[in-house]
């Protein structure tokens, strides 16, 4: 079930280079249950920008009726969003898409979470829900440089956390796959979200079951416009990232 609502900004701050954390409150939060889902935002009352912006759900607080999203300013839409202040309202459509499945795990499973850049946020609610159910998590966060890093402390409160930066200014120098190999990280299941080259490398190297969340430009966000389709592996056809995903079982779609 999804709905449209004018939600209220309850906090908004910069947490890294061009990265913002924004919390919104409203009744729509009652519908947010599965980690990895996203919302589709209209950030202005005029026609610029024309399309909504898809932003992943980072964490949900049902007691406060609020959710938090972390986004990167990249264009006019996210720049307009970054100008919102506490008390302003944002038109929110959601929750959308199918999130990360956490059922089917044996008791006290160990899960490996890997995020790259703005693919990190949806893994935070996943980590919270997994640990709440008695599972353990290890998280690998990948960024370009130290100034891009965020949520290292938040993930560290939930389990072992590794940081990789491409220039080596924080954590281990290299990519998330280097950290996974060097530290021989594995588990009963893996989850990953980030740019496609990162997802492709993880899918090709991991030998345990996993799920991948795709980042994609979207038009409608509800499966009508076909702007975000991806090919299916081993059979003809396609999947819509917005309504069939954004999370897919590893091996299901062409990354």
C-alpha atoms as a PDB file:
ATOM      1  CA  UNK A   1       0.000   0.000   0.000  1.00  0.00           C
ATOM      2  CA  UNK A   2       1.239   3.496  -0.824  1.00  0.00           C
ATOM      3  CA  UNK A   3      -0.082   7.026  -0.509  1.00  0.00           C
ATOM      4  CA  UNK A   4       0.734  10.656  -1.183  1.00  0.00           C
ATOM      5  CA  UNK A   5       1.119  13.033   1.729  1.00  0.00           C
ATOM      6  CA  UNK A   6       2.495  16.469   2.522  1.00  0.00           C
ATOM      7  CA  UNK A   7       5.021  15.542   5.210  1.00  0.00           C
ATOM      8  CA  UNK A   8       6.732  17.959   7.579  1.00  0.00           C
ATOM      9  CA  UNK A   9      10.497  18.458   7.845  1.00  0.00           C
ATOM     10  CA  UNK A  10      11.518  17.868  11.473  1.00  0.00           C
ATOM     11  CA  UNK A  11      15.295  18.051  10.994  1.00  0.00           C
ATOM     12  CA  UNK A  12      17.690  18.691   8.121  1.00  0.00           C
ATOM     13  CA  UNK A  13      21.478  18.925   8.165  1.00  0.00           C
ATOM     14  CA  UNK A  14      24.616  18.443   6.115  1.00  0.00           C
ATOM     15  CA  UNK A  15      26.594  15.346   7.180  1.00  0.00           C
ATOM     16  CA  UNK A  16      29.303  15.100   4.472  1.00  0.00           C
ATOM     17  CA  UNK A  17      30.331  16.733   1.195  1.00  0.00           C
ATOM     18  CA  UNK A  18      27.053  17.376  -0.673  1.00  0.00           C
ATOM     19  CA  UNK A  19      25.331  14.807   1.562  1.00  0.00           C
ATOM     20  CA  UNK A  20      22.260  15.752   3.606  1.00  0.00           C
ATOM     21  CA  UNK A  21      20.224  13.952   6.253  1.00  0.00           C
ATOM     22  CA  UNK A  22      16.546  14.932   6.356  1.00  0.00           C
ATOM     23  CA  UNK A  23      13.807  13.624   8.644  1.00  0.00           C
ATOM     24  CA  UNK A  24      10.115  13.968   7.803  1.00  0.00           C
ATOM     25  CA  UNK A  25       7.049  13.219   9.894  1.00  0.00           C
ATOM     26  CA  UNK A  26       3.551  12.191   8.881  1.00  0.00           C
ATOM     27  CA  UNK A  27       1.007   9.391   8.796  1.00  0.00           C
ATOM     28  CA  UNK A  28       2.703   7.800   5.767  1.00  0.00           C
ATOM     29  CA  UNK A  29       5.377   6.429   8.122  1.00  0.00           C
ATOM     30  CA  UNK A  30       2.843   3.842   9.345  1.00  0.00           C
ATOM     31  CA  UNK A  31       3.168   2.109   5.947  1.00  0.00           C
ATOM     32  CA  UNK A  32       6.972   1.818   6.085  1.00  0.00           C
ATOM     33  CA  UNK A  33       7.856  -1.701   7.146  1.00  0.00           C
ATOM     34  CA  UNK A  34      10.505  -3.209   4.896  1.00  0.00           C
ATOM     35  CA  UNK A  35      14.102  -1.921   4.671  1.00  0.00           C
ATOM     36  CA  UNK A  36      15.240  -0.968   1.183  1.00  0.00           C
ATOM     37  CA  UNK A  37      12.045   0.722   0.034  1.00  0.00           C
ATOM     38  CA  UNK A  38      12.095   4.299  -1.245  1.00  0.00           C
ATOM     39  CA  UNK A  39       9.961   7.424  -1.544  1.00  0.00           C
ATOM     40  CA  UNK A  40       9.321   9.630  -4.560  1.00  0.00           C
ATOM     41  CA  UNK A  41       9.462  13.349  -3.746  1.00  0.00           C
ATOM     42  CA  UNK A  42       8.011  16.443  -5.372  1.00  0.00           C
ATOM     43  CA  UNK A  43      10.384  19.128  -4.158  1.00  0.00           C
ATOM     44  CA  UNK A  44       8.619  22.252  -5.471  1.00  0.00           C
ATOM     45  CA  UNK A  45       5.102  23.506  -6.155  1.00  0.00           C
ATOM     46  CA  UNK A  46       5.891  24.488  -9.759  1.00  0.00           C
ATOM     47  CA  UNK A  47       6.909  22.492 -12.846  1.00  0.00           C
ATOM     48  CA  UNK A  48      10.665  22.752 -12.242  1.00  0.00           C
ATOM     49  CA  UNK A  49      11.795  20.104 -11.801  1.00  0.00           C
ATOM     50  CA  UNK A  50       9.095  18.240 -13.704  1.00  0.00           C
ATOM     51  CA  UNK A  51       9.702  14.799 -12.256  1.00  0.00           C
ATOM     52  CA  UNK A  52       9.740  13.581  -8.691  1.00  0.00           C
ATOM     53  CA  UNK A  53      13.021  12.440  -7.175  1.00  0.00           C
ATOM     54  CA  UNK A  54      13.470   8.871  -5.817  1.00  0.00           C
ATOM     55  CA  UNK A  55      15.211   8.813  -2.422  1.00  0.00           C
ATOM     56  CA  UNK A  56      15.813   5.679  -0.355  1.00  0.00           C
ATOM     57  CA  UNK A  57      14.509   5.329   3.179  1.00  0.00           C
ATOM     58  CA  UNK A  58      17.444   5.313   5.601  1.00  0.00           C
ATOM     59  CA  UNK A  59      15.665   4.686   8.899  1.00  0.00           C
ATOM     60  CA  UNK A  60      12.174   4.639  10.333  1.00  0.00           C
ATOM     61  CA  UNK A  61      10.986   5.685  13.803  1.00  0.00           C
ATOM     62  CA  UNK A  62       7.395   4.534  14.229  1.00  0.00           C
ATOM     63  CA  UNK A  63       7.171   5.924  17.783  1.00  0.00           C
ATOM     64  CA  UNK A  64       7.910   9.452  16.503  1.00  0.00           C
ATOM     65  CA  UNK A  65       5.996   8.871  13.255  1.00  0.00           C
ATOM     66  CA  UNK A  66       9.086   9.993  11.332  1.00  0.00           C
ATOM     67  CA  UNK A  67      11.538   8.603   8.803  1.00  0.00           C
ATOM     68  CA  UNK A  68      14.999   9.717   7.763  1.00  0.00           C
ATOM     69  CA  UNK A  69      16.491   9.887   4.291  1.00  0.00           C
ATOM     70  CA  UNK A  70      20.094  10.620   3.300  1.00  0.00           C
ATOM     71  CA  UNK A  71      20.676  12.026  -0.152  1.00  0.00           C
ATOM     72  CA  UNK A  72      23.385  13.620  -2.296  1.00  0.00           C
ATOM     73  CA  UNK A  73      22.867  16.980  -4.014  1.00  0.00           C
ATOM     74  CA  UNK A  74      23.420  16.323  -7.716  1.00  0.00           C
ATOM     75  CA  UNK A  75      20.977  18.530  -9.671  1.00  0.00           C
ATOM     76  CA  UNK A  76      18.179  21.072  -9.424  1.00  0.00           C
ATOM     77  CA  UNK A  77      15.821  18.657  -7.692  1.00  0.00           C
ATOM     78  CA  UNK A  78      18.091  17.621  -4.854  1.00  0.00           C
ATOM     79  CA  UNK A  79      19.402  21.203  -4.586  1.00  0.00           C
ATOM     80  CA  UNK A  80      15.823  22.413  -4.071  1.00  0.00           C
ATOM     81  CA  UNK A  81      15.323  19.697  -1.479  1.00  0.00           C
ATOM     82  CA  UNK A  82      18.474  20.805   0.355  1.00  0.00           C
ATOM     83  CA  UNK A  83      16.914  24.271   0.835  1.00  0.00           C
ATOM     84  CA  UNK A  84      14.005  22.902   2.888  1.00  0.00           C
ATOM     85  CA  UNK A  85      13.956  24.019   6.501  1.00  0.00           C
ATOM     86  CA  UNK A  86      12.390  22.634   9.673  1.00  0.00           C
ATOM     87  CA  UNK A  87       8.618  23.067   9.446  1.00  0.00           C
ATOM     88  CA  UNK A  88       8.523  23.091   5.638  1.00  0.00           C
ATOM     89  CA  UNK A  89       6.417  20.502   3.858  1.00  0.00           C
ATOM     90  CA  UNK A  90       7.464  18.019   1.179  1.00  0.00           C
ATOM     91  CA  UNK A  91       5.089  16.108  -1.121  1.00  0.00           C
ATOM     92  CA  UNK A  92       5.935  12.431  -0.559  1.00  0.00           C
ATOM     93  CA  UNK A  93       4.706   9.398  -2.531  1.00  0.00           C
ATOM     94  CA  UNK A  94       5.521   6.080  -0.898  1.00  0.00           C
ATOM     95  CA  UNK A  95       6.620   3.742   0.358  1.00  0.00           C
ATOM     96  CA  UNK A  96       7.559   2.306  -3.046  1.00  0.00           C
ATOM     97  CA  UNK A  97       9.261  -0.813  -4.338  1.00  0.00           C
ATOM     98  CA  UNK A  98      10.201  -4.118  -2.791  1.00  0.00           C
ATOM     99  CA  UNK A  99      12.881  -3.907  -0.124  1.00  0.00           C
ATOM    100  CA  UNK A 100      15.439  -6.329   1.281  1.00  0.00           C
ATOM    101  CA  UNK A 101      13.973  -9.683   2.408  1.00  0.00           C
ATOM    102  CA  UNK A 102      15.048 -10.658   5.910  1.00  0.00           C
ATOM    103  CA  UNK A 103      12.950 -13.806   6.239  1.00  0.00           C
ATOM    104  CA  UNK A 104      14.385 -17.262   5.589  1.00  0.00           C
ATOM    105  CA  UNK A 105      17.523 -16.714   7.660  1.00  0.00           C
ATOM    106  CA  UNK A 106      18.421 -19.336  10.232  1.00  0.00           C
ATOM    107  CA  UNK A 107      18.551 -18.260  13.873  1.00  0.00           C
ATOM    108  CA  UNK A 108      21.468 -15.941  14.693  1.00  0.00           C
ATOM    109  CA  UNK A 109      22.682 -15.663  11.125  1.00  0.00           C
ATOM    110  CA  UNK A 110      25.569 -13.450  10.141  1.00  0.00           C
ATOM    111  CA  UNK A 111      24.977 -11.034   7.256  1.00  0.00           C
ATOM    112  CA  UNK A 112      27.434  -9.000   5.214  1.00  0.00           C
ATOM    113  CA  UNK A 113      26.199  -5.553   4.182  1.00  0.00           C
ATOM    114  CA  UNK A 114      28.048  -3.584   1.510  1.00  0.00           C
ATOM    115  CA  UNK A 115      27.223  -0.059   0.417  1.00  0.00           C
ATOM    116  CA  UNK A 116      28.861   2.354  -1.977  1.00  0.00           C
ATOM    117  CA  UNK A 117      28.337   6.120  -1.771  1.00  0.00           C
ATOM    118  CA  UNK A 118      24.687   7.054  -1.699  1.00  0.00           C
ATOM    119  CA  UNK A 119      23.915   3.305  -1.723  1.00  0.00           C
ATOM    120  CA  UNK A 120      24.795   3.230   1.975  1.00  0.00           C
ATOM    121  CA  UNK A 121      21.575   4.731   3.481  1.00  0.00           C
ATOM    122  CA  UNK A 122      19.052   1.914   2.846  1.00  0.00           C
ATOM    123  CA  UNK A 123      21.419  -0.561   4.508  1.00  0.00           C
ATOM    124  CA  UNK A 124      21.097   1.244   7.837  1.00  0.00           C
ATOM    125  CA  UNK A 125      17.438   0.363   8.427  1.00  0.00           C
ATOM    126  CA  UNK A 126      18.279  -3.165   7.222  1.00  0.00           C
ATOM    127  CA  UNK A 127      21.098  -3.436   9.784  1.00  0.00           C
ATOM    128  CA  UNK A 128      18.770  -2.210  12.537  1.00  0.00           C
ATOM    129  CA  UNK A 129      16.071  -4.756  11.691  1.00  0.00           C
ATOM    130  CA  UNK A 130      18.532  -7.658  11.325  1.00  0.00           C
ATOM    131  CA  UNK A 131      20.197  -7.016  14.683  1.00  0.00           C
ATOM    132  CA  UNK A 132      16.818  -6.488  16.335  1.00  0.00           C
ATOM    133  CA  UNK A 133      15.896 -10.004  15.232  1.00  0.00           C
ATOM    134  CA  UNK A 134      19.053 -11.468  16.809  1.00  0.00           C
ATOM    135  CA  UNK A 135      21.247 -11.671  13.704  1.00  0.00           C
ATOM    136  CA  UNK A 136      24.725 -10.156  13.492  1.00  0.00           C
ATOM    137  CA  UNK A 137      26.005  -7.867  10.763  1.00  0.00           C
ATOM    138  CA  UNK A 138      29.314  -6.713   9.356  1.00  0.00           C
ATOM    139  CA  UNK A 139      29.220  -3.665   7.107  1.00  0.00           C
ATOM    140  CA  UNK A 140      31.599  -2.428   4.422  1.00  0.00           C
ATOM    141  CA  UNK A 141      31.150   1.210   3.401  1.00  0.00           C
ATOM    142  CA  UNK A 142      32.817   2.518   0.245  1.00  0.00           C
ATOM    143  CA  UNK A 143      33.488   6.163  -0.629  1.00  0.00           C
ATOM    144  CA  UNK A 144      35.770   8.191  -2.875  1.00  0.00           C
ATOM    145  CA  UNK A 145      37.458  10.163  -0.085  1.00  0.00           C
ATOM    146  CA  UNK A 146      37.350  11.009   3.634  1.00  0.00           C
ATOM    147  CA  UNK A 147      35.155  14.065   3.041  1.00  0.00           C
ATOM    148  CA  UNK A 148      32.466  11.822   1.518  1.00  0.00           C
ATOM    149  CA  UNK A 149      32.188   9.424   4.472  1.00  0.00           C
ATOM    150  CA  UNK A 150      29.030   9.332   6.568  1.00  0.00           C
ATOM    151  CA  UNK A 151      27.238   6.979   9.008  1.00  0.00           C
ATOM    152  CA  UNK A 152      30.408   5.104  10.006  1.00  0.00           C
ATOM    153  CA  UNK A 153      29.596   5.673  13.695  1.00  0.00           C
ATOM    154  CA  UNK A 154      25.949   4.667  13.272  1.00  0.00           C
ATOM    155  CA  UNK A 155      26.823   1.346  11.632  1.00  0.00           C
ATOM    156  CA  UNK A 156      29.601   0.705  14.181  1.00  0.00           C
ATOM    157  CA  UNK A 157      26.965   0.631  16.940  1.00  0.00           C
ATOM    158  CA  UNK A 158      25.331  -2.337  15.194  1.00  0.00           C
ATOM    159  CA  UNK A 159      28.356  -4.463  14.245  1.00  0.00           C
ATOM    160  CA  UNK A 160      31.839  -4.584  12.770  1.00  0.00           C
ATOM    161  CA  UNK A 161      32.209  -1.767  10.265  1.00  0.00           C
ATOM    162  CA  UNK A 162      34.881  -1.310   7.618  1.00  0.00           C
ATOM    163  CA  UNK A 163      35.470   1.803   5.509  1.00  0.00           C
ATOM    164  CA  UNK A 164      37.156   1.861   2.117  1.00  0.00           C
ATOM    165  CA  UNK A 165      38.140   5.063   0.324  1.00  0.00           C
ATOM    166  CA  UNK A 166      39.501   5.147  -3.197  1.00  0.00           C
ATOM    167  CA  UNK A 167      42.242   7.609  -2.252  1.00  0.00           C
ATOM    168  CA  UNK A 168      43.061   5.995   1.089  1.00  0.00           C
ATOM    169  CA  UNK A 169      42.315   9.109   3.175  1.00  0.00           C
ATOM    170  CA  UNK A 170      40.137   7.104   5.593  1.00  0.00           C
ATOM    171  CA  UNK A 171      39.917   3.403   6.286  1.00  0.00           C
ATOM    172  CA  UNK A 172      41.442   0.990   3.818  1.00  0.00           C
ATOM    173  CA  UNK A 173      42.615   2.240   0.431  1.00  0.00           C
ATOM    174  CA  UNK A 174      40.715   0.718  -2.469  1.00  0.00           C
ATOM    175  CA  UNK A 175      37.231  -0.580  -3.143  1.00  0.00           C
ATOM    176  CA  UNK A 176      34.752  -2.458  -0.988  1.00  0.00           C
ATOM    177  CA  UNK A 177      35.670  -5.673  -2.787  1.00  0.00           C
ATOM    178  CA  UNK A 178      39.299  -5.181  -1.680  1.00  0.00           C
ATOM    179  CA  UNK A 179      38.166  -4.902   1.946  1.00  0.00           C
ATOM    180  CA  UNK A 180      35.992  -8.007   1.630  1.00  0.00           C
ATOM    181  CA  UNK A 181      38.890 -10.000   0.165  1.00  0.00           C
ATOM    182  CA  UNK A 182      41.577  -8.715   2.541  1.00  0.00           C
ATOM    183  CA  UNK A 183      39.512  -9.383   5.640  1.00  0.00           C
ATOM    184  CA  UNK A 184      37.953 -12.578   4.221  1.00  0.00           C
ATOM    185  CA  UNK A 185      34.468 -11.310   5.021  1.00  0.00           C
ATOM    186  CA  UNK A 186      31.521 -13.577   4.410  1.00  0.00           C
ATOM    187  CA  UNK A 187      28.390 -14.811   6.166  1.00  0.00           C
ATOM    188  CA  UNK A 188      25.120 -16.610   5.629  1.00  0.00           C
ATOM    189  CA  UNK A 189      23.742 -13.943   3.283  1.00  0.00           C
ATOM    190  CA  UNK A 190      24.908 -10.676   1.762  1.00  0.00           C
ATOM    191  CA  UNK A 191      23.102  -7.485   0.882  1.00  0.00           C
ATOM    192  CA  UNK A 192      24.511  -4.721  -1.315  1.00  0.00           C
ATOM    193  CA  UNK A 193      23.485  -1.325  -2.660  1.00  0.00           C
ATOM    194  CA  UNK A 194      25.510   1.076  -4.775  1.00  0.00           C
ATOM    195  CA  UNK A 195      26.772   1.778  -8.287  1.00  0.00           C
ATOM    196  CA  UNK A 196      26.459  -1.031 -10.822  1.00  0.00           C
ATOM    197  CA  UNK A 197      30.207  -1.735 -11.217  1.00  0.00           C
ATOM    198  CA  UNK A 198      30.364  -2.345  -7.461  1.00  0.00           C
ATOM    199  CA  UNK A 199      27.287  -4.585  -7.511  1.00  0.00           C
ATOM    200  CA  UNK A 200      28.649  -6.510 -10.502  1.00  0.00           C
ATOM    201  CA  UNK A 201      31.974  -7.123  -8.769  1.00  0.00           C
ATOM    202  CA  UNK A 202      30.279  -8.296  -5.582  1.00  0.00           C
ATOM    203  CA  UNK A 203      27.904 -10.596  -7.437  1.00  0.00           C
ATOM    204  CA  UNK A 204      30.801 -12.128  -9.369  1.00  0.00           C
ATOM    205  CA  UNK A 205      32.924 -12.756  -6.275  1.00  0.00           C
ATOM    206  CA  UNK A 206      30.510 -13.763  -3.519  1.00  0.00           C
ATOM    207  CA  UNK A 207      29.710 -17.454  -3.078  1.00  0.00           C
ATOM    208  CA  UNK A 208      26.819 -17.061  -0.622  1.00  0.00           C
ATOM    209  CA  UNK A 209      23.181 -16.066  -1.361  1.00  0.00           C
ATOM    210  CA  UNK A 210      22.631 -12.371  -1.727  1.00  0.00           C
ATOM    211  CA  UNK A 211      20.391  -9.491  -2.704  1.00  0.00           C
ATOM    212  CA  UNK A 212      21.298  -6.389  -4.710  1.00  0.00           C
ATOM    213  CA  UNK A 213      19.567  -3.006  -4.675  1.00  0.00           C
ATOM    214  CA  UNK A 214      19.858  -1.069  -7.936  1.00  0.00           C
ATOM    215  CA  UNK A 215      20.156   2.690  -8.238  1.00  0.00           C
ATOM    216  CA  UNK A 216      18.291   4.003 -11.283  1.00  0.00           C
ATOM    217  CA  UNK A 217      16.776   7.169 -12.705  1.00  0.00           C
ATOM    218  CA  UNK A 218      12.975   6.977 -12.614  1.00  0.00           C
ATOM    219  CA  UNK A 219      10.004   8.743 -14.136  1.00  0.00           C
ATOM    220  CA  UNK A 220       6.783   7.675 -12.443  1.00  0.00           C
ATOM    221  CA  UNK A 221       8.211   5.439  -9.726  1.00  0.00           C
ATOM    222  CA  UNK A 222       5.233   3.071  -9.891  1.00  0.00           C
ATOM    223  CA  UNK A 223       5.931   0.933 -12.958  1.00  0.00           C
ATOM    224  CA  UNK A 224       3.928   2.828 -15.582  1.00  0.00           C
ATOM    225  CA  UNK A 225       6.528   4.689 -17.663  1.00  0.00           C
ATOM    226  CA  UNK A 226       9.139   1.917 -18.153  1.00  0.00           C
ATOM    227  CA  UNK A 227      11.991   4.414 -17.725  1.00  0.00           C
ATOM    228  CA  UNK A 228      13.910   2.180 -15.332  1.00  0.00           C
ATOM    229  CA  UNK A 229      13.728  -1.294 -16.882  1.00  0.00           C
ATOM    230  CA  UNK A 230      16.623  -3.760 -16.709  1.00  0.00           C
ATOM    231  CA  UNK A 231      17.141  -7.064 -18.503  1.00  0.00           C
ATOM    232  CA  UNK A 232      16.563 -10.420 -16.859  1.00  0.00           C
ATOM    233  CA  UNK A 233      19.317 -13.018 -16.831  1.00  0.00           C
ATOM    234  CA  UNK A 234      18.819 -16.406 -18.479  1.00  0.00           C
ATOM    235  CA  UNK A 235      15.415 -15.620 -19.981  1.00  0.00           C
ATOM    236  CA  UNK A 236      13.716 -13.061 -22.161  1.00  0.00           C
ATOM    237  CA  UNK A 237      12.027 -10.100 -20.593  1.00  0.00           C
ATOM    238  CA  UNK A 238      12.741  -7.281 -18.211  1.00  0.00           C
ATOM    239  CA  UNK A 239      12.123  -6.037 -14.722  1.00  0.00           C
ATOM    240  CA  UNK A 240      11.113  -2.549 -13.629  1.00  0.00           C
ATOM    241  CA  UNK A 241      13.523  -1.282 -10.971  1.00  0.00           C
ATOM    242  CA  UNK A 242      10.865   0.924  -9.357  1.00  0.00           C
ATOM    243  CA  UNK A 243       8.061  -1.606  -8.929  1.00  0.00           C
ATOM    244  CA  UNK A 244       9.736  -5.041  -9.315  1.00  0.00           C
ATOM    245  CA  UNK A 245      12.828  -3.869  -7.381  1.00  0.00           C
ATOM    246  CA  UNK A 246      14.852  -1.960  -6.461  1.00  0.00           C
ATOM    247  CA  UNK A 247      16.038  -5.095  -4.649  1.00  0.00           C
ATOM    248  CA  UNK A 248      16.623  -8.236  -6.714  1.00  0.00           C
ATOM    249  CA  UNK A 249      18.000 -11.639  -5.831  1.00  0.00           C
ATOM    250  CA  UNK A 250      21.612 -11.952  -6.980  1.00  0.00           C
ATOM    251  CA  UNK A 251      21.658 -13.504 -10.438  1.00  0.00           C
ATOM    252  CA  UNK A 252      18.141 -12.424 -11.368  1.00  0.00           C
ATOM    253  CA  UNK A 253      18.864  -9.334 -13.482  1.00  0.00           C
ATOM    254  CA  UNK A 254      21.708  -8.083 -15.628  1.00  0.00           C
ATOM    255  CA  UNK A 255      23.785  -5.690 -13.576  1.00  0.00           C
END
